[in-house]
Amino acid sequence: TTIQYGGSVSAANAAELFSSPDVDGGLVGGASLK
């Protein structure tokens, strides 16, 4: 099961969040508009 993280995901914090073994991607809000 893919489990994404969402909540103020940005280019600055994405790599650290995605490095966690159970974080399989992101649901991106504001940063997806650029």
PDB file of all heavy atoms in Angstrom:
ATOM      1  N   THR A   1       0.830  -1.203   0.000  1.00  0.00           N
ATOM      2  CA  THR A   1       0.000   0.000   0.000  1.00  0.00           C
ATOM      3  C   THR A   1       0.865   1.255   0.000  1.00  0.00           C
ATOM      4  O   THR A   1       1.710   1.439   0.876  1.00  0.00           O
ATOM      5  CB  THR A   1      -0.924   0.023   1.234  1.00  0.00           C
ATOM      6  OG1 THR A   1      -1.799  -1.109   1.203  1.00  0.00           O
ATOM      7  CG2 THR A   1      -1.754   1.300   1.263  1.00  0.00           C
ATOM      8  N   THR A   2       0.656   2.095  -0.991  1.00  0.00           N
ATOM      9  CA  THR A   2       1.355   3.382  -1.052  1.00  0.00           C
ATOM     10  C   THR A   2       0.733   4.332  -0.033  1.00  0.00           C
ATOM     11  O   THR A   2      -0.477   4.572  -0.048  1.00  0.00           O
ATOM     12  CB  THR A   2       1.240   3.996  -2.458  1.00  0.00           C
ATOM     13  OG1 THR A   2       1.877   3.132  -3.400  1.00  0.00           O
ATOM     14  CG2 THR A   2       1.881   5.377  -2.509  1.00  0.00           C
ATOM     15  N   ILE A   3       1.562   4.880   0.857  1.00  0.00           N
ATOM     16  CA  ILE A   3       1.109   5.860   1.847  1.00  0.00           C
ATOM     17  C   ILE A   3       1.895   7.147   1.631  1.00  0.00           C
ATOM     18  O   ILE A   3       3.104   7.202   1.848  1.00  0.00           O
ATOM     19  CB  ILE A   3       1.282   5.357   3.293  1.00  0.00           C
ATOM     20  CG1 ILE A   3       0.602   3.993   3.488  1.00  0.00           C
ATOM     21  CG2 ILE A   3       0.709   6.381   4.279  1.00  0.00           C
ATOM     22  CD1 ILE A   3       0.740   3.438   4.895  1.00  0.00           C
ATOM     23  N   GLN A   4       1.191   8.166   1.178  1.00  0.00           N
ATOM     24  CA  GLN A   4       1.804   9.463   0.924  1.00  0.00           C
ATOM     25  C   GLN A   4       1.757  10.328   2.185  1.00  0.00           C
ATOM     26  O   GLN A   4       0.904  10.157   3.045  1.00  0.00           O
ATOM     27  CB  GLN A   4       1.041  10.208  -0.171  1.00  0.00           C
ATOM     28  CG  GLN A   4       0.954   9.504  -1.507  1.00  0.00           C
ATOM     29  CD  GLN A   4       0.050  10.260  -2.460  1.00  0.00           C
ATOM     30  OE1 GLN A   4      -1.066  10.623  -2.106  1.00  0.00           O
ATOM     31  NE2 GLN A   4       0.526  10.524  -3.668  1.00  0.00           N
ATOM     32  N   TYR A   5       2.669  11.304   2.222  1.00  0.00           N
ATOM     33  CA  TYR A   5       2.581  12.348   3.245  1.00  0.00           C
ATOM     34  C   TYR A   5       2.132  13.637   2.585  1.00  0.00           C
ATOM     35  O   TYR A   5       2.595  13.993   1.493  1.00  0.00           O
ATOM     36  CB  TYR A   5       3.927  12.588   3.936  1.00  0.00           C
ATOM     37  CG  TYR A   5       3.878  13.827   4.819  1.00  0.00           C
ATOM     38  CD1 TYR A   5       3.291  13.759   6.077  1.00  0.00           C
ATOM     39  CD2 TYR A   5       4.324  15.060   4.355  1.00  0.00           C
ATOM     40  CE1 TYR A   5       3.179  14.903   6.865  1.00  0.00           C
ATOM     41  CE2 TYR A   5       4.220  16.202   5.133  1.00  0.00           C
ATOM     42  CZ  TYR A   5       3.639  16.118   6.389  1.00  0.00           C
ATOM     43  OH  TYR A   5       3.506  17.241   7.166  1.00  0.00           O
ATOM     44  N   GLY A   6       1.217  14.361   3.228  1.00  0.00           N
ATOM     45  CA  GLY A   6       0.791  15.663   2.745  1.00  0.00           C
ATOM     46  C   GLY A   6       0.745  16.658   3.886  1.00  0.00           C
ATOM     47  O   GLY A   6       0.357  16.325   4.999  1.00  0.00           O
ATOM     48  N   GLY A   7       1.113  17.872   3.627  1.00  0.00           N
ATOM     49  CA  GLY A   7       1.073  18.916   4.649  1.00  0.00           C
ATOM     50  C   GLY A   7       2.272  19.821   4.536  1.00  0.00           C
ATOM     51  O   GLY A   7       3.314  19.561   5.144  1.00  0.00           O
ATOM     52  N   SER A   8       2.167  20.860   3.703  1.00  0.00           N
ATOM     53  CA  SER A   8       3.252  21.820   3.487  1.00  0.00           C
ATOM     54  C   SER A   8       4.526  21.144   2.989  1.00  0.00           C
ATOM     55  O   SER A   8       5.636  21.484   3.409  1.00  0.00           O
ATOM     56  CB  SER A   8       3.524  22.634   4.760  1.00  0.00           C
ATOM     57  OG  SER A   8       2.398  23.417   5.106  1.00  0.00           O
ATOM     58  N   VAL A   9       4.361  20.175   2.080  1.00  0.00           N
ATOM     59  CA  VAL A   9       5.520  19.571   1.424  1.00  0.00           C
ATOM     60  C   VAL A   9       6.149  20.602   0.496  1.00  0.00           C
ATOM     61  O   VAL A   9       5.450  21.279  -0.260  1.00  0.00           O
ATOM     62  CB  VAL A   9       5.120  18.323   0.616  1.00  0.00           C
ATOM     63  CG1 VAL A   9       6.344  17.718  -0.071  1.00  0.00           C
ATOM     64  CG2 VAL A   9       4.443  17.303   1.507  1.00  0.00           C
ATOM     65  N   SER A  10       7.464  20.724   0.552  1.00  0.00           N
ATOM     66  CA  SER A  10       8.169  21.689  -0.292  1.00  0.00           C
ATOM     67  C   SER A  10       9.435  21.048  -0.842  1.00  0.00           C
ATOM     68  O   SER A  10       9.856  19.974  -0.411  1.00  0.00           O
ATOM     69  CB  SER A  10       8.544  22.935   0.523  1.00  0.00           C
ATOM     70  OG  SER A  10       9.531  22.612   1.495  1.00  0.00           O
ATOM     71  N   ALA A  11      10.051  21.738  -1.800  1.00  0.00           N
ATOM     72  CA  ALA A  11      11.311  21.243  -2.347  1.00  0.00           C
ATOM     73  C   ALA A  11      12.385  21.183  -1.264  1.00  0.00           C
ATOM     74  O   ALA A  11      13.309  20.370  -1.345  1.00  0.00           O
ATOM     75  CB  ALA A  11      11.757  22.133  -3.505  1.00  0.00           C
ATOM     76  N   ALA A  12      12.240  22.027  -0.245  1.00  0.00           N
ATOM     77  CA  ALA A  12      13.252  22.079   0.812  1.00  0.00           C
ATOM     78  C   ALA A  12      13.153  20.905   1.783  1.00  0.00           C
ATOM     79  O   ALA A  12      14.170  20.474   2.339  1.00  0.00           O
ATOM     80  CB  ALA A  12      13.127  23.402   1.577  1.00  0.00           C
ATOM     81  N   ASN A  13      11.941  20.384   2.008  1.00  0.00           N
ATOM     82  CA  ASN A  13      11.805  19.311   3.009  1.00  0.00           C
ATOM     83  C   ASN A  13      11.471  17.950   2.402  1.00  0.00           C
ATOM     84  O   ASN A  13      11.424  16.949   3.110  1.00  0.00           O
ATOM     85  CB  ASN A  13      10.750  19.682   4.056  1.00  0.00           C
ATOM     86  CG  ASN A  13       9.352  19.889   3.478  1.00  0.00           C
ATOM     87  OD1 ASN A  13       8.947  19.238   2.531  1.00  0.00           O
ATOM     88  ND2 ASN A  13       8.594  20.810   4.080  1.00  0.00           N
ATOM     89  N   ALA A  14      11.236  17.904   1.091  1.00  0.00           N
ATOM     90  CA  ALA A  14      10.757  16.667   0.478  1.00  0.00           C
ATOM     91  C   ALA A  14      11.743  15.520   0.609  1.00  0.00           C
ATOM     92  O   ALA A  14      11.363  14.385   0.941  1.00  0.00           O
ATOM     93  CB  ALA A  14      10.433  16.911  -0.999  1.00  0.00           C
ATOM     94  N   ALA A  15      13.020  15.775   0.365  1.00  0.00           N
ATOM     95  CA  ALA A  15      14.003  14.685   0.392  1.00  0.00           C
ATOM     96  C   ALA A  15      14.061  14.027   1.764  1.00  0.00           C
ATOM     97  O   ALA A  15      14.129  12.798   1.875  1.00  0.00           O
ATOM     98  CB  ALA A  15      15.374  15.215  -0.013  1.00  0.00           C
ATOM     99  N   GLU A  16      14.026  14.834   2.818  1.00  0.00           N
ATOM    100  CA  GLU A  16      14.073  14.269   4.175  1.00  0.00           C
ATOM    101  C   GLU A  16      12.813  13.471   4.467  1.00  0.00           C
ATOM    102  O   GLU A  16      12.886  12.365   5.022  1.00  0.00           O
ATOM    103  CB  GLU A  16      14.237  15.386   5.206  1.00  0.00           C
ATOM    104  CG  GLU A  16      14.354  14.856   6.636  1.00  0.00           C
ATOM    105  CD  GLU A  16      14.518  15.951   7.660  1.00  0.00           C
ATOM    106  OE1 GLU A  16      14.392  17.138   7.301  1.00  0.00           O
ATOM    107  OE2 GLU A  16      14.775  15.618   8.840  1.00  0.00           O
ATOM    108  N   LEU A  17      11.649  14.004   4.097  1.00  0.00           N
ATOM    109  CA  LEU A  17      10.399  13.279   4.328  1.00  0.00           C
ATOM    110  C   LEU A  17      10.381  11.964   3.560  1.00  0.00           C
ATOM    111  O   LEU A  17      10.023  10.915   4.100  1.00  0.00           O
ATOM    112  CB  LEU A  17       9.211  14.145   3.903  1.00  0.00           C
ATOM    113  CG  LEU A  17       8.853  15.319   4.807  1.00  0.00           C
ATOM    114  CD1 LEU A  17       7.914  16.278   4.091  1.00  0.00           C
ATOM    115  CD2 LEU A  17       8.215  14.838   6.111  1.00  0.00           C
ATOM    116  N   PHE A  18      10.789  12.008   2.297  1.00  0.00           N
ATOM    117  CA  PHE A  18      10.718  10.824   1.443  1.00  0.00           C
ATOM    118  C   PHE A  18      11.766   9.772   1.803  1.00  0.00           C
ATOM    119  O   PHE A  18      11.676   8.636   1.343  1.00  0.00           O
ATOM    120  CB  PHE A  18      10.880  11.224  -0.028  1.00  0.00           C
ATOM    121  CG  PHE A  18       9.768  12.082  -0.566  1.00  0.00           C
ATOM    122  CD1 PHE A  18       9.940  12.818  -1.739  1.00  0.00           C
ATOM    123  CD2 PHE A  18       8.542  12.179   0.088  1.00  0.00           C
ATOM    124  CE1 PHE A  18       8.923  13.605  -2.251  1.00  0.00           C
ATOM    125  CE2 PHE A  18       7.513  12.973  -0.415  1.00  0.00           C
ATOM    126  CZ  PHE A  18       7.712  13.693  -1.582  1.00  0.00           C
ATOM    127  N   SER A  19      12.762  10.154   2.595  1.00  0.00           N
ATOM    128  CA  SER A  19      13.785   9.184   2.998  1.00  0.00           C
ATOM    129  C   SER A  19      13.276   8.215   4.058  1.00  0.00           C
ATOM    130  O   SER A  19      13.901   7.178   4.302  1.00  0.00           O
ATOM    131  CB  SER A  19      15.022   9.917   3.529  1.00  0.00           C
ATOM    132  OG  SER A  19      14.738  10.562   4.776  1.00  0.00           O
ATOM    133  N   SER A  20      12.143   8.527   4.682  1.00  0.00           N
ATOM    134  CA  SER A  20      11.574   7.638   5.700  1.00  0.00           C
ATOM    135  C   SER A  20      11.061   6.368   5.025  1.00  0.00           C
ATOM    136  O   SER A  20      10.440   6.426   3.963  1.00  0.00           O
ATOM    137  CB  SER A  20      10.437   8.349   6.426  1.00  0.00           C
ATOM    138  OG  SER A  20      10.903   9.526   7.067  1.00  0.00           O
ATOM    139  N   PRO A  21      11.282   5.215   5.627  1.00  0.00           N
ATOM    140  CA  PRO A  21      10.982   3.947   4.951  1.00  0.00           C
ATOM    141  C   PRO A  21       9.518   3.711   4.646  1.00  0.00           C
ATOM    142  O   PRO A  21       9.199   2.973   3.711  1.00  0.00           O
ATOM    143  CB  PRO A  21      11.514   2.885   5.925  1.00  0.00           C
ATOM    144  CG  PRO A  21      11.638   3.583   7.249  1.00  0.00           C
ATOM    145  CD  PRO A  21      11.952   5.001   6.931  1.00  0.00           C
ATOM    146  N   ASP A  22       8.601   4.325   5.406  1.00  0.00           N
ATOM    147  CA  ASP A  22       7.180   4.105   5.176  1.00  0.00           C
ATOM    148  C   ASP A  22       6.500   5.271   4.480  1.00  0.00           C
ATOM    149  O   ASP A  22       5.272   5.281   4.342  1.00  0.00           O
ATOM    150  CB  ASP A  22       6.463   3.799   6.499  1.00  0.00           C
ATOM    151  CG  ASP A  22       6.754   2.393   6.980  1.00  0.00           C
ATOM    152  OD1 ASP A  22       6.301   1.447   6.323  1.00  0.00           O
ATOM    153  OD2 ASP A  22       7.469   2.240   7.995  1.00  0.00           O
ATOM    154  N   VAL A  23       7.259   6.260   4.029  1.00  0.00           N
ATOM    155  CA  VAL A  23       6.704   7.402   3.296  1.00  0.00           C
ATOM    156  C   VAL A  23       6.961   7.172   1.813  1.00  0.00           C
ATOM    157  O   VAL A  23       8.105   7.164   1.356  1.00  0.00           O
ATOM    158  CB  VAL A  23       7.333   8.730   3.764  1.00  0.00           C
ATOM    159  CG1 VAL A  23       6.790   9.902   2.937  1.00  0.00           C
ATOM    160  CG2 VAL A  23       7.057   8.961   5.250  1.00  0.00           C
ATOM    161  N   ASP A  24       5.886   6.979   1.060  1.00  0.00           N
ATOM    162  CA  ASP A  24       5.992   6.531  -0.330  1.00  0.00           C
ATOM    163  C   ASP A  24       5.662   7.613  -1.339  1.00  0.00           C
ATOM    164  O   ASP A  24       5.227   7.336  -2.457  1.00  0.00           O
ATOM    165  CB  ASP A  24       5.038   5.342  -0.555  1.00  0.00           C
ATOM    166  CG  ASP A  24       5.249   4.249   0.467  1.00  0.00           C
ATOM    167  OD1 ASP A  24       6.415   3.904   0.736  1.00  0.00           O
ATOM    168  OD2 ASP A  24       4.249   3.747   1.013  1.00  0.00           O
ATOM    169  N   GLY A  25       5.828   8.869  -0.945  1.00  0.00           N
ATOM    170  CA  GLY A  25       5.524   9.969  -1.844  1.00  0.00           C
ATOM    171  C   GLY A  25       4.778  11.058  -1.110  1.00  0.00           C
ATOM    172  O   GLY A  25       4.723  11.082   0.126  1.00  0.00           O
ATOM    173  N   GLY A  26       4.183  11.962  -1.868  1.00  0.00           N
ATOM    174  CA  GLY A  26       3.534  13.102  -1.247  1.00  0.00           C
ATOM    175  C   GLY A  26       2.266  13.519  -1.964  1.00  0.00           C
ATOM    176  O   GLY A  26       2.099  13.277  -3.161  1.00  0.00           O
ATOM    177  N   LEU A  27       1.370  14.124  -1.200  1.00  0.00           N
ATOM    178  CA  LEU A  27       0.216  14.829  -1.744  1.00  0.00           C
ATOM    179  C   LEU A  27       0.496  16.304  -1.499  1.00  0.00           C
ATOM    180  O   LEU A  27       0.469  16.773  -0.359  1.00  0.00           O
ATOM    181  CB  LEU A  27      -1.081  14.382  -1.069  1.00  0.00           C
ATOM    182  CG  LEU A  27      -2.371  15.031  -1.584  1.00  0.00           C
ATOM    183  CD1 LEU A  27      -2.547  14.814  -3.075  1.00  0.00           C
ATOM    184  CD2 LEU A  27      -3.585  14.489  -0.832  1.00  0.00           C
ATOM    185  N   VAL A  28       0.779  17.017  -2.573  1.00  0.00           N
ATOM    186  CA  VAL A  28       1.368  18.357  -2.492  1.00  0.00           C
ATOM    187  C   VAL A  28       0.317  19.399  -2.825  1.00  0.00           C
ATOM    188  O   VAL A  28      -0.353  19.311  -3.856  1.00  0.00           O
ATOM    189  CB  VAL A  28       2.556  18.473  -3.473  1.00  0.00           C
ATOM    190  CG1 VAL A  28       3.236  19.826  -3.336  1.00  0.00           C
ATOM    191  CG2 VAL A  28       3.547  17.332  -3.243  1.00  0.00           C
ATOM    192  N   GLY A  29       0.192  20.404  -1.960  1.00  0.00           N
ATOM    193  CA  GLY A  29      -0.775  21.472  -2.176  1.00  0.00           C
ATOM    194  C   GLY A  29      -0.166  22.663  -2.879  1.00  0.00           C
ATOM    195  O   GLY A  29       0.038  22.664  -4.086  1.00  0.00           O
ATOM    196  N   GLY A  30       0.159  23.702  -2.129  1.00  0.00           N
ATOM    197  CA  GLY A  30       0.607  24.963  -2.706  1.00  0.00           C
ATOM    198  C   GLY A  30       1.787  24.838  -3.645  1.00  0.00           C
ATOM    199  O   GLY A  30       1.843  25.511  -4.683  1.00  0.00           O
ATOM    200  N   ALA A  31       2.734  23.976  -3.304  1.00  0.00           N
ATOM    201  CA  ALA A  31       3.936  23.845  -4.129  1.00  0.00           C
ATOM    202  C   ALA A  31       3.649  23.195  -5.476  1.00  0.00           C
ATOM    203  O   ALA A  31       4.479  23.250  -6.384  1.00  0.00           O
ATOM    204  CB  ALA A  31       5.005  23.048  -3.377  1.00  0.00           C
ATOM    205  N   SER A  32       2.467  22.581  -5.633  1.00  0.00           N
ATOM    206  CA  SER A  32       2.132  21.969  -6.922  1.00  0.00           C
ATOM    207  C   SER A  32       1.656  23.006  -7.936  1.00  0.00           C
ATOM    208  O   SER A  32       1.457  22.684  -9.106  1.00  0.00           O
ATOM    209  CB  SER A  32       1.055  20.895  -6.743  1.00  0.00           C
ATOM    210  OG  SER A  32      -0.210  21.467  -6.425  1.00  0.00           O
ATOM    211  N   LEU A  33       1.485  24.241  -7.488  1.00  0.00           N
ATOM    212  CA  LEU A  33       1.012  25.300  -8.378  1.00  0.00           C
ATOM    213  C   LEU A  33       2.144  26.021  -9.098  1.00  0.00           C
ATOM    214  O   LEU A  33       1.904  26.922  -9.905  1.00  0.00           O
ATOM    215  CB  LEU A  33       0.184  26.315  -7.579  1.00  0.00           C
ATOM    216  CG  LEU A  33      -1.072  25.744  -6.906  1.00  0.00           C
ATOM    217  CD1 LEU A  33      -1.728  26.786  -6.014  1.00  0.00           C
ATOM    218  CD2 LEU A  33      -2.059  25.230  -7.945  1.00  0.00           C
ATOM    219  N   LYS A  34       3.390  25.628  -8.799  1.00  0.00           N
ATOM    220  CA  LYS A  34       4.556  26.182  -9.479  1.00  0.00           C
ATOM    221  C   LYS A  34       5.354  25.018 -10.043  1.00  0.00           C
ATOM    222  O   LYS A  34       5.783  24.130  -9.304  1.00  0.00           O
ATOM    223  CB  LYS A  34       5.412  26.998  -8.507  1.00  0.00           C
ATOM    224  CG  LYS A  34       4.688  28.215  -7.931  1.00  0.00           C
ATOM    225  CD  LYS A  34       5.569  28.988  -6.974  1.00  0.00           C
ATOM    226  CE  LYS A  34       4.850  30.215  -6.415  1.00  0.00           C
ATOM    227  NZ  LYS A  34       5.698  30.964  -5.442  1.00  0.00           N
TER     228      LYS A  34
END
